[in-house]
Amino acid sequence: MDTRVERVDDTTVKLAVTVEPPRVTAALEEAARHLADEVKIPGFRKGKVPRRVLETRLGKGAVLQHAVQDALPQFYAEAVREQELEPVGQPEFELETFEEGRDAEFTATVEVRPEFDPPPVDGVQVPHPEWEVTDEDVEAEIDRLRERFAEAETVDRPIQVGDLAVLSISGSHRGEPVEDASMDHQLYRVDDPEESGQQLDRELLGATPGTIAKFTDTFDDDERELDFTVIVKDVKALTLPDADDEFAITASEFDTIDELRDSIREQIAEHKLRHAREALRGRVVETVSDLVDVPLPRVLVDQEVQFQLARLARDAERREIPFDRYLQAAGTTMEQLTEQLRDSARKTVRAQLVVDRVGRDAGVTVSNEDLSRQVMEEAARLNMPPDQLAEFMTEPERLGVLFADAFRRKTIDHIIERVEVTGGPLETVDPPVTADADAPDADADADAAASTVDDVTA
């Protein structure tokens, strides 16, 4: 078989293939055998019908069409291996000749992984995401804790941000009462409408007892537009306890407010550092990706857009909202949303291609242990039993995705070890831990996940 490659553009090639006559004849004979197993012709046992009889009864075109459908993909796959191509989509075939006694000739146009030089990694400076705890962070948490122990006292003044309002709420749709959207003597905390975005906060701010507010807003449960009538019955102001030792004893296991502040500072530091380490991985990939120009195959971008759309659809389904209402609530259309997602899809595909290239050049390999760890981390993120997720992910059609995710995770670890992270904590920045290794059943879950992975990859 003779193969030639013509580059159409940075991400597309045209593969010209010539197949010698004996292989064409073999393909026609194989197609005839398949057809003989599928058709019933009087006077012949099933599977024993000669090719010439099939061609007489069904026509030469039927045998030829079957041969082309079966053999072309096989010839194409062989040509791809011969030319060491990495297709990322389905080929478009153009058949020139395919008949007995002659060379078969066809072309296949397909998008492939782009060729580009890997970006430099060693010594690249990446600023660490914010991780330090400020006094303002601690005092904000102290204030939230004080609010939990606050006393509500009725006041005779207009409603201010932070007040509690006692409300009677009636919701209706096209004149019909909506029971789930109606309630009496409802205690409601009024927030800053510029921060909350809630129409109710806008209506209540500055209102006094006896005020009647009428407005239209969406109902959280199903995004319907409802007409609301809200009556303000009472206004209560919160009186917060002083942040002193007495409060610390009441609100915690500590004897002094300084001990409580120290504990809160440690908790905030742990939380911020964990999230900063997670954000660092994305920042490192983005910084390294920006160092190289990468042509993006259209098919990969389209696939990523469809993946993101499917994720949004699943989110709407979990909230039991029809996707068209989901789009309406977001103020967009399917066409607009698809175009908006295309920009983020391009960034994602670009990052994946760069990480893959760096990983291949670095010789990163994936073991069964790596696959098991990937299952554990995904299970922790999705709040699923690891063995259940392992059984799902290690089905043959999904194993490739699991392998790619594990490969990229290890490659990002490799990159983080080589870049220079600036402005971070003094200790070594390890990859974030998303599963609790000390949980009671963690070892058993890991063994179950590993066993499933081993069975599939063996």
Protein backbone atom coordinates (compact mmCIF):
# COMPACT_ATOMS: atom_id res chain seq x y z
CA MET A 1 0.00 0.00 0.00
CA ASP A 2 1.29 3.42 -0.97
CA THR A 3 0.43 6.51 1.14
CA ARG A 4 1.12 10.22 0.68
CA VAL A 5 0.27 13.13 2.98
CA GLU A 6 -0.62 16.63 1.86
CA ARG A 7 -1.05 19.28 4.54
CA VAL A 8 -4.18 21.33 3.91
CA ASP A 9 -3.64 23.74 6.83
CA ASP A 10 -2.14 23.76 10.32
CA THR A 11 -4.63 21.19 11.64
CA THR A 12 -5.86 19.33 8.53
CA VAL A 13 -4.18 16.81 6.24
CA LYS A 14 -5.25 14.96 3.10
CA LEU A 15 -4.08 11.37 3.05
CA ALA A 16 -3.83 9.81 -0.44
CA VAL A 17 -3.87 6.01 -0.39
CA THR A 18 -3.25 3.47 -3.16
CA VAL A 19 -4.04 -0.21 -2.47
CA GLU A 20 -2.65 -2.99 -4.66
CA PRO A 21 -5.09 -5.21 -6.70
CA PRO A 22 -4.68 -8.45 -4.67
CA ARG A 23 -5.90 -6.68 -1.52
CA VAL A 24 -8.84 -5.23 -3.42
CA THR A 25 -9.80 -8.74 -4.58
CA ALA A 26 -9.46 -10.03 -1.01
CA ALA A 27 -11.75 -7.25 0.22
CA LEU A 28 -14.38 -8.14 -2.40
CA GLU A 29 -14.20 -11.83 -1.48
CA GLU A 30 -14.56 -11.02 2.23
CA ALA A 31 -17.57 -8.80 1.48
CA ALA A 32 -19.16 -11.65 -0.51
CA ARG A 33 -18.68 -14.03 2.43
CA HIS A 34 -20.38 -11.57 4.78
CA LEU A 35 -23.30 -11.12 2.42
CA ALA A 36 -23.62 -14.88 1.99
CA ASP A 37 -24.20 -15.14 5.74
CA GLU A 38 -26.90 -12.47 5.63
CA VAL A 39 -29.04 -13.40 2.60
CA LYS A 40 -31.12 -16.48 1.80
CA ILE A 41 -31.06 -17.72 -1.80
CA PRO A 42 -33.02 -20.82 -2.83
CA GLY A 43 -30.82 -23.82 -3.64
CA PHE A 44 -27.92 -22.67 -1.48
CA ARG A 45 -27.20 -23.13 2.20
CA LYS A 46 -26.73 -19.95 4.22
CA GLY A 47 -23.11 -18.84 4.04
CA LYS A 48 -22.39 -21.06 1.01
CA VAL A 49 -23.60 -18.79 -1.79
CA PRO A 50 -20.84 -18.25 -4.41
CA ARG A 51 -19.83 -14.69 -5.11
CA ARG A 52 -20.91 -14.85 -8.77
CA VAL A 53 -24.43 -15.91 -7.68
CA LEU A 54 -24.60 -13.04 -5.20
CA GLU A 55 -23.51 -10.57 -7.86
CA THR A 56 -26.16 -11.97 -10.21
CA ARG A 57 -28.95 -11.83 -7.66
CA LEU A 58 -27.96 -8.68 -5.75
CA GLY A 59 -25.88 -6.91 -8.35
CA LYS A 60 -22.14 -6.25 -8.36
CA GLY A 61 -22.82 -2.91 -6.69
CA ALA A 62 -24.06 -4.57 -3.51
CA VAL A 63 -20.87 -6.58 -3.07
CA LEU A 64 -18.74 -3.56 -4.02
CA GLN A 65 -20.54 -1.27 -1.57
CA HIS A 66 -20.12 -3.79 1.25
CA ALA A 67 -16.42 -4.17 0.43
CA VAL A 68 -15.87 -0.42 0.42
CA GLN A 69 -17.70 0.06 3.74
CA ASP A 70 -15.61 -2.63 5.44
CA ALA A 71 -12.21 -2.21 3.79
CA LEU A 72 -11.85 1.57 3.50
CA PRO A 73 -11.68 2.21 7.27
CA GLN A 74 -9.16 -0.62 7.61
CA PHE A 75 -6.96 0.74 4.81
CA TYR A 76 -7.27 4.23 6.31
CA ALA A 77 -6.23 3.06 9.80
CA GLU A 78 -3.21 1.29 8.31
CA ALA A 79 -2.22 4.42 6.38
CA VAL A 80 -2.56 6.57 9.53
CA ARG A 81 -0.20 4.26 11.40
CA GLU A 82 2.24 4.23 8.50
CA GLN A 83 2.35 8.03 8.36
CA GLU A 84 2.36 8.35 12.20
CA LEU A 85 -0.60 10.71 12.16
CA GLU A 86 -2.75 11.57 15.21
CA PRO A 87 -6.30 12.16 13.94
CA VAL A 88 -8.67 14.02 16.28
CA GLY A 89 -11.84 13.59 14.24
CA GLN A 90 -13.56 11.44 11.67
CA PRO A 91 -12.15 11.44 8.11
CA GLU A 92 -13.98 12.53 4.98
CA PHE A 93 -13.38 9.89 2.31
CA GLU A 94 -13.28 10.51 -1.42
CA LEU A 95 -13.15 7.26 -3.40
CA GLU A 96 -11.57 7.40 -6.84
CA THR A 97 -11.35 3.72 -7.85
CA PHE A 98 -12.24 0.41 -6.21
CA GLU A 99 -12.67 -2.52 -8.59
CA GLU A 100 -11.18 -5.93 -9.11
CA GLY A 101 -7.96 -6.13 -11.08
CA ARG A 102 -7.00 -2.49 -10.48
CA ASP A 103 -5.40 -0.40 -7.76
CA ALA A 104 -7.90 1.08 -5.34
CA GLU A 105 -7.35 4.80 -4.83
CA PHE A 106 -8.96 7.10 -2.27
CA THR A 107 -8.23 10.17 -0.19
CA ALA A 108 -9.09 10.86 3.43
CA THR A 109 -9.21 14.43 4.75
CA VAL A 110 -9.00 14.63 8.52
CA GLU A 111 -8.02 16.99 11.32
CA VAL A 112 -4.93 15.98 13.27
CA ARG A 113 -3.10 17.12 16.36
CA PRO A 114 -1.21 20.29 15.45
CA GLU A 115 2.55 20.39 15.33
CA PHE A 116 4.18 23.03 17.53
CA ASP A 117 7.32 23.44 19.62
CA PRO A 118 6.77 22.75 23.33
CA PRO A 119 6.93 25.83 25.56
CA PRO A 120 9.81 26.32 28.00
CA VAL A 121 8.94 25.21 31.51
CA ASP A 122 12.03 25.37 33.71
CA GLY A 123 12.22 28.63 35.65
CA VAL A 124 9.03 30.17 34.27
CA GLN A 125 7.70 32.50 36.97
CA VAL A 126 4.12 31.98 38.10
CA PRO A 127 2.61 34.19 40.85
CA HIS A 128 0.96 32.15 43.57
CA PRO A 129 -2.77 32.86 44.03
CA GLU A 130 -3.74 34.82 47.14
CA TRP A 131 -3.34 32.69 50.26
CA GLU A 132 -2.46 34.98 53.19
CA VAL A 133 -5.04 35.71 55.90
CA THR A 134 -5.72 39.35 56.72
CA ASP A 135 -7.10 40.84 59.92
CA GLU A 136 -10.18 41.82 57.90
CA ASP A 137 -10.76 38.13 57.03
CA VAL A 138 -10.68 37.20 60.71
CA GLU A 139 -12.91 40.05 61.86
CA ALA A 140 -15.46 39.28 59.12
CA GLU A 141 -15.68 35.71 60.40
CA ILE A 142 -15.96 36.96 63.99
CA ASP A 143 -18.82 39.22 62.90
CA ARG A 144 -20.60 36.31 61.20
CA LEU A 145 -20.27 34.33 64.41
CA ARG A 146 -21.57 37.29 66.44
CA GLU A 147 -24.62 37.47 64.16
CA ARG A 148 -25.49 33.89 65.13
CA PHE A 149 -25.75 35.02 68.74
CA ALA A 150 -27.37 38.39 68.01
CA GLU A 151 -30.60 39.51 69.65
CA ALA A 152 -33.43 40.88 67.50
CA GLU A 153 -35.19 43.96 68.83
CA THR A 154 -38.20 45.69 67.26
CA VAL A 155 -37.38 49.21 66.03
CA ASP A 156 -39.54 52.07 64.77
CA ARG A 157 -37.57 53.21 61.73
CA PRO A 158 -37.15 52.39 58.01
CA ILE A 159 -35.51 49.10 57.12
CA GLN A 160 -31.71 49.15 56.78
CA VAL A 161 -29.29 46.59 55.42
CA GLY A 162 -28.87 43.81 57.98
CA ASP A 163 -32.30 44.24 59.57
CA LEU A 164 -34.85 41.47 59.94
CA ALA A 165 -38.28 42.09 58.43
CA VAL A 166 -41.42 40.20 59.40
CA LEU A 167 -43.35 39.78 56.15
CA SER A 168 -46.59 38.50 54.71
CA ILE A 169 -45.89 37.32 51.15
CA SER A 170 -48.43 36.39 48.48
CA GLY A 171 -47.34 35.08 45.08
CA SER A 172 -49.59 34.55 42.07
CA HIS A 173 -49.26 33.49 38.44
CA ARG A 174 -51.72 34.99 35.95
CA GLY A 175 -54.07 35.81 38.80
CA GLU A 176 -53.94 32.34 40.35
CA PRO A 177 -52.37 32.03 43.85
CA VAL A 178 -49.15 30.01 44.07
CA GLU A 179 -49.09 28.23 47.40
CA ASP A 180 -45.35 27.56 47.46
CA ALA A 181 -44.66 31.26 46.90
CA SER A 182 -46.97 32.50 49.66
CA MET A 183 -46.26 32.61 53.39
CA ASP A 184 -47.27 34.57 56.49
CA HIS A 185 -45.14 35.90 59.33
CA GLN A 186 -41.96 35.15 57.39
CA LEU A 187 -38.74 36.40 59.00
CA TYR A 188 -36.42 37.74 56.28
CA ARG A 189 -32.95 39.26 56.56
CA VAL A 190 -32.52 42.27 54.27
CA ASP A 191 -29.22 42.35 52.38
CA ASP A 192 -27.65 44.98 50.16
CA PRO A 193 -29.53 44.60 46.84
CA GLU A 194 -26.41 45.56 44.89
CA GLU A 195 -24.70 42.48 46.33
CA SER A 196 -27.62 40.06 46.53
CA GLY A 197 -29.31 41.05 43.26
CA GLN A 198 -32.68 40.30 44.89
CA GLN A 199 -35.68 42.39 43.91
CA LEU A 200 -37.20 41.82 47.37
CA ASP A 201 -34.20 43.51 48.99
CA ARG A 202 -34.68 46.53 46.70
CA GLU A 203 -38.37 46.77 47.62
CA LEU A 204 -37.78 46.46 51.37
CA LEU A 205 -34.84 48.83 51.78
CA GLY A 206 -36.25 52.01 53.38
CA ALA A 207 -39.72 50.49 53.96
CA THR A 208 -41.55 50.79 57.29
CA PRO A 209 -44.14 48.61 59.08
CA GLY A 210 -47.38 48.71 57.08
CA THR A 211 -45.65 49.21 53.72
CA ILE A 212 -47.18 47.19 50.87
CA ALA A 213 -44.81 46.36 48.01
CA LYS A 214 -45.99 44.93 44.68
CA PHE A 215 -43.56 43.68 42.08
CA THR A 216 -42.87 40.91 39.54
CA ASP A 217 -39.96 38.53 39.95
CA THR A 218 -38.90 34.98 39.09
CA PHE A 219 -39.69 32.19 41.52
CA ASP A 220 -36.54 30.30 42.53
CA ASP A 221 -38.04 26.82 42.27
CA ASP A 222 -39.02 26.89 38.59
CA GLU A 223 -37.97 30.30 37.24
CA ARG A 224 -41.60 31.32 36.58
CA GLU A 225 -42.46 35.02 36.52
CA LEU A 226 -44.76 35.63 39.51
CA ASP A 227 -46.60 38.68 40.80
CA PHE A 228 -45.77 39.31 44.46
CA THR A 229 -47.53 41.36 47.13
CA VAL A 230 -45.44 41.86 50.27
CA ILE A 231 -46.69 43.46 53.48
CA VAL A 232 -44.14 44.63 56.05
CA LYS A 233 -45.48 43.73 59.50
CA ASP A 234 -42.49 44.46 61.70
CA VAL A 235 -38.85 45.59 61.57
CA LYS A 236 -36.23 44.18 63.89
CA ALA A 237 -32.65 45.32 64.33
CA LEU A 238 -29.92 42.92 65.32
CA THR A 239 -27.88 43.74 68.39
CA LEU A 240 -24.59 41.90 68.21
CA PRO A 241 -22.73 40.81 71.34
CA ASP A 242 -19.38 42.43 72.04
CA ALA A 243 -16.36 40.54 70.74
CA ASP A 244 -14.86 39.85 74.16
CA ASP A 245 -13.83 36.93 76.34
CA GLU A 246 -17.39 36.38 77.51
CA PHE A 247 -18.52 35.99 73.90
CA ALA A 248 -15.67 33.56 73.20
CA ILE A 249 -16.77 31.37 76.11
CA THR A 250 -20.40 31.45 74.92
CA ALA A 251 -19.70 30.83 71.24
CA SER A 252 -16.77 28.41 71.36
CA GLU A 253 -14.61 26.10 73.42
CA PHE A 254 -12.07 28.89 74.00
CA ASP A 255 -11.71 31.03 77.13
CA THR A 256 -10.52 34.24 75.46
CA ILE A 257 -11.36 36.18 72.32
CA ASP A 258 -7.69 36.09 71.31
CA GLU A 259 -7.71 32.28 71.37
CA LEU A 260 -10.87 32.29 69.28
CA ARG A 261 -9.30 34.69 66.78
CA ASP A 262 -6.19 32.50 66.52
CA SER A 263 -8.31 29.42 65.85
CA ILE A 264 -10.36 31.24 63.20
CA ARG A 265 -7.17 32.51 61.57
CA GLU A 266 -5.83 28.94 61.34
CA GLN A 267 -9.10 27.67 59.81
CA ILE A 268 -9.21 30.47 57.25
CA ALA A 269 -5.54 29.93 56.41
CA GLU A 270 -6.11 26.23 55.79
CA HIS A 271 -9.14 26.95 53.61
CA LYS A 272 -7.47 29.71 51.59
CA LEU A 273 -4.27 27.75 51.08
CA ARG A 274 -6.17 24.67 49.88
CA HIS A 275 -8.10 26.71 47.34
CA ALA A 276 -4.98 28.64 46.35
CA ARG A 277 -3.14 25.39 45.62
CA GLU A 278 -6.03 24.22 43.47
CA ALA A 279 -6.06 27.56 41.63
CA LEU A 280 -2.28 27.40 41.20
CA ARG A 281 -2.58 24.38 38.91
CA GLY A 282 -4.84 26.27 36.55
CA ARG A 283 -2.63 29.36 36.70
CA VAL A 284 0.50 27.34 35.91
CA VAL A 285 -1.14 25.71 32.89
CA GLU A 286 -2.44 29.08 31.65
CA THR A 287 0.96 30.75 32.06
CA VAL A 288 2.81 27.99 30.22
CA SER A 289 0.16 27.80 27.49
CA ASP A 290 0.49 31.53 26.83
CA LEU A 291 4.14 31.00 25.88
CA VAL A 292 3.35 29.17 22.64
CA ASP A 293 1.06 29.65 19.66
CA VAL A 294 -1.07 26.56 19.10
CA PRO A 295 -3.33 25.98 16.05
CA LEU A 296 -6.64 24.60 17.31
CA PRO A 297 -8.45 21.79 15.47
CA ARG A 298 -12.06 22.82 14.92
CA VAL A 299 -13.37 19.39 15.87
CA LEU A 300 -11.75 19.54 19.34
CA VAL A 301 -13.20 22.99 20.01
CA ASP A 302 -16.64 21.81 18.88
CA GLN A 303 -16.40 18.74 21.13
CA GLU A 304 -15.47 20.91 24.12
CA VAL A 305 -18.39 23.27 23.43
CA GLN A 306 -20.76 20.30 23.35
CA PHE A 307 -19.25 18.97 26.58
CA GLN A 308 -19.85 22.30 28.34
CA LEU A 309 -23.39 22.52 26.98
CA ALA A 310 -24.09 19.00 28.24
CA ARG A 311 -22.76 19.96 31.67
CA LEU A 312 -25.10 22.97 31.80
CA ALA A 313 -28.00 20.76 30.69
CA ARG A 314 -27.24 18.30 33.51
CA ASP A 315 -27.17 21.19 35.97
CA ALA A 316 -30.60 22.35 34.77
CA GLU A 317 -31.90 18.78 35.00
CA ARG A 318 -30.69 18.45 38.60
CA ARG A 319 -32.60 21.63 39.42
CA GLU A 320 -35.62 20.24 37.54
CA ILE A 321 -35.68 23.21 35.18
CA PRO A 322 -36.35 22.72 31.44
CA PHE A 323 -33.28 23.86 29.51
CA ASP A 324 -35.22 26.46 27.53
CA ARG A 325 -36.29 28.10 30.81
CA TYR A 326 -32.70 27.82 32.00
CA LEU A 327 -31.59 29.81 28.95
CA GLN A 328 -34.42 32.32 29.43
CA ALA A 329 -33.42 32.92 33.04
CA ALA A 330 -29.82 33.49 31.90
CA GLY A 331 -31.07 36.01 29.31
CA THR A 332 -29.55 34.18 26.35
CA THR A 333 -30.36 31.85 23.47
CA MET A 334 -28.81 28.51 22.51
CA GLU A 335 -26.94 30.20 19.64
CA GLN A 336 -25.61 32.98 21.88
CA LEU A 337 -24.63 30.57 24.64
CA THR A 338 -22.83 28.30 22.16
CA GLU A 339 -20.80 31.25 20.88
CA GLN A 340 -20.01 32.40 24.42
CA LEU A 341 -18.78 28.94 25.35
CA ARG A 342 -16.56 28.79 22.26
CA ASP A 343 -14.05 31.22 23.77
CA SER A 344 -13.62 29.16 26.95
CA ALA A 345 -13.56 25.98 24.84
CA ARG A 346 -10.62 27.36 22.82
CA LYS A 347 -8.69 28.07 26.03
CA THR A 348 -9.42 24.60 27.36
CA VAL A 349 -8.37 22.83 24.15
CA ARG A 350 -5.24 24.93 23.89
CA ALA A 351 -4.27 24.08 27.48
CA GLN A 352 -4.92 20.37 26.88
CA LEU A 353 -2.77 20.31 23.74
CA VAL A 354 0.10 22.11 25.50
CA VAL A 355 -0.05 19.87 28.57
CA ASP A 356 -0.15 16.77 26.37
CA ARG A 357 2.88 17.93 24.39
CA VAL A 358 4.88 18.73 27.54
CA GLY A 359 3.94 15.36 29.02
CA ARG A 360 5.00 13.41 25.94
CA ASP A 361 8.31 15.27 25.72
CA ALA A 362 8.93 14.62 29.43
CA GLY A 363 8.15 10.92 29.09
CA VAL A 364 5.27 10.99 31.57
CA THR A 365 3.69 7.56 31.95
CA VAL A 366 0.44 6.43 33.59
CA SER A 367 0.29 3.36 35.82
CA ASN A 368 -2.69 1.51 37.25
CA GLU A 369 -1.93 3.24 40.54
CA ASP A 370 -2.27 6.60 38.78
CA LEU A 371 -5.62 5.55 37.31
CA SER A 372 -6.83 4.46 40.74
CA ARG A 373 -5.79 7.77 42.24
CA GLN A 374 -7.64 9.60 39.49
CA VAL A 375 -10.77 7.61 40.29
CA MET A 376 -10.41 8.45 44.00
CA GLU A 377 -10.05 12.18 43.32
CA GLU A 378 -12.99 12.24 40.92
CA ALA A 379 -15.10 10.27 43.39
CA ALA A 380 -14.30 12.77 46.14
CA ARG A 381 -15.17 15.67 43.86
CA LEU A 382 -18.47 14.09 42.78
CA ASN A 383 -19.25 12.70 46.25
CA MET A 384 -19.56 9.15 44.86
CA PRO A 385 -18.31 5.82 46.19
CA PRO A 386 -14.91 5.21 44.49
CA ASP A 387 -15.73 1.62 43.51
CA GLN A 388 -18.97 2.76 41.84
CA LEU A 389 -17.20 5.48 39.87
CA ALA A 390 -14.38 3.08 38.97
CA GLU A 391 -16.85 0.60 37.53
CA PHE A 392 -18.41 3.37 35.44
CA MET A 393 -15.18 5.04 34.28
CA THR A 394 -13.30 1.87 33.40
CA GLU A 395 -15.79 0.72 30.82
CA PRO A 396 -13.84 0.49 27.53
CA GLU A 397 -15.39 3.60 25.95
CA ARG A 398 -14.54 5.74 29.00
CA LEU A 399 -11.13 4.32 29.88
CA GLY A 400 -9.43 6.64 27.38
CA VAL A 401 -10.87 9.69 29.13
CA LEU A 402 -9.72 8.38 32.51
CA PHE A 403 -6.23 7.74 31.10
CA ALA A 404 -6.04 11.23 29.56
CA ASP A 405 -7.10 12.88 32.84
CA ALA A 406 -4.51 10.91 34.83
CA PHE A 407 -1.81 11.71 32.24
CA ARG A 408 -2.59 15.43 32.39
CA ARG A 409 -2.68 15.45 36.19
CA LYS A 410 0.80 13.90 36.32
CA THR A 411 2.06 16.29 33.66
CA ILE A 412 0.79 19.31 35.60
CA ASP A 413 2.57 17.94 38.69
CA HIS A 414 5.72 17.72 36.53
CA ILE A 415 5.31 21.33 35.36
CA ILE A 416 4.71 22.67 38.89
CA GLU A 417 7.97 21.05 40.02
CA ARG A 418 9.88 22.99 37.34
CA VAL A 419 8.32 26.45 37.26
CA GLU A 420 9.22 29.11 39.81
CA VAL A 421 6.19 29.90 41.96
CA THR A 422 6.54 33.39 43.44
CA GLY A 423 4.74 34.89 46.41
CA GLY A 424 3.62 31.57 47.87
CA PRO A 425 4.08 30.03 51.31
CA LEU A 426 7.58 29.01 52.31
CA GLU A 427 6.78 25.30 52.41
CA THR A 428 6.73 23.21 49.25
CA VAL A 429 3.50 23.58 47.29
CA ASP A 430 2.11 20.09 46.94
CA PRO A 431 -0.76 19.12 44.62
CA PRO A 432 -4.11 19.61 46.38
CA VAL A 433 -5.52 16.58 48.19
CA THR A 434 -9.18 16.13 47.30
CA ALA A 435 -9.79 12.82 49.07
CA ASP A 436 -9.40 12.21 52.80
CA ALA A 437 -6.84 9.43 53.05
CA ASP A 438 -7.56 9.03 56.77
CA ALA A 439 -11.28 8.46 56.34
CA PRO A 440 -12.44 5.16 57.91
CA ASP A 441 -13.14 3.40 54.59
CA ALA A 442 -10.56 5.19 52.45
CA ASP A 443 -8.17 2.21 52.18
CA ALA A 444 -10.97 -0.19 51.34
CA ASP A 445 -12.38 2.19 48.73
CA ALA A 446 -8.93 2.65 47.19
CA ASP A 447 -8.44 -1.11 47.01
CA ALA A 448 -11.84 -1.56 45.35
CA ALA A 449 -11.14 1.16 42.81
CA ALA A 450 -7.67 -0.20 42.09
CA SER A 451 -9.05 -3.71 41.64
CA THR A 452 -11.57 -2.51 39.06
CA VAL A 453 -8.92 -0.51 37.18
CA ASP A 454 -6.53 -3.48 37.23
CA ASP A 455 -9.19 -5.79 35.80
CA VAL A 456 -9.85 -3.49 32.85
CA THR A 457 -6.28 -2.50 32.09
CA ALA A 458 -4.73 -5.92 32.53
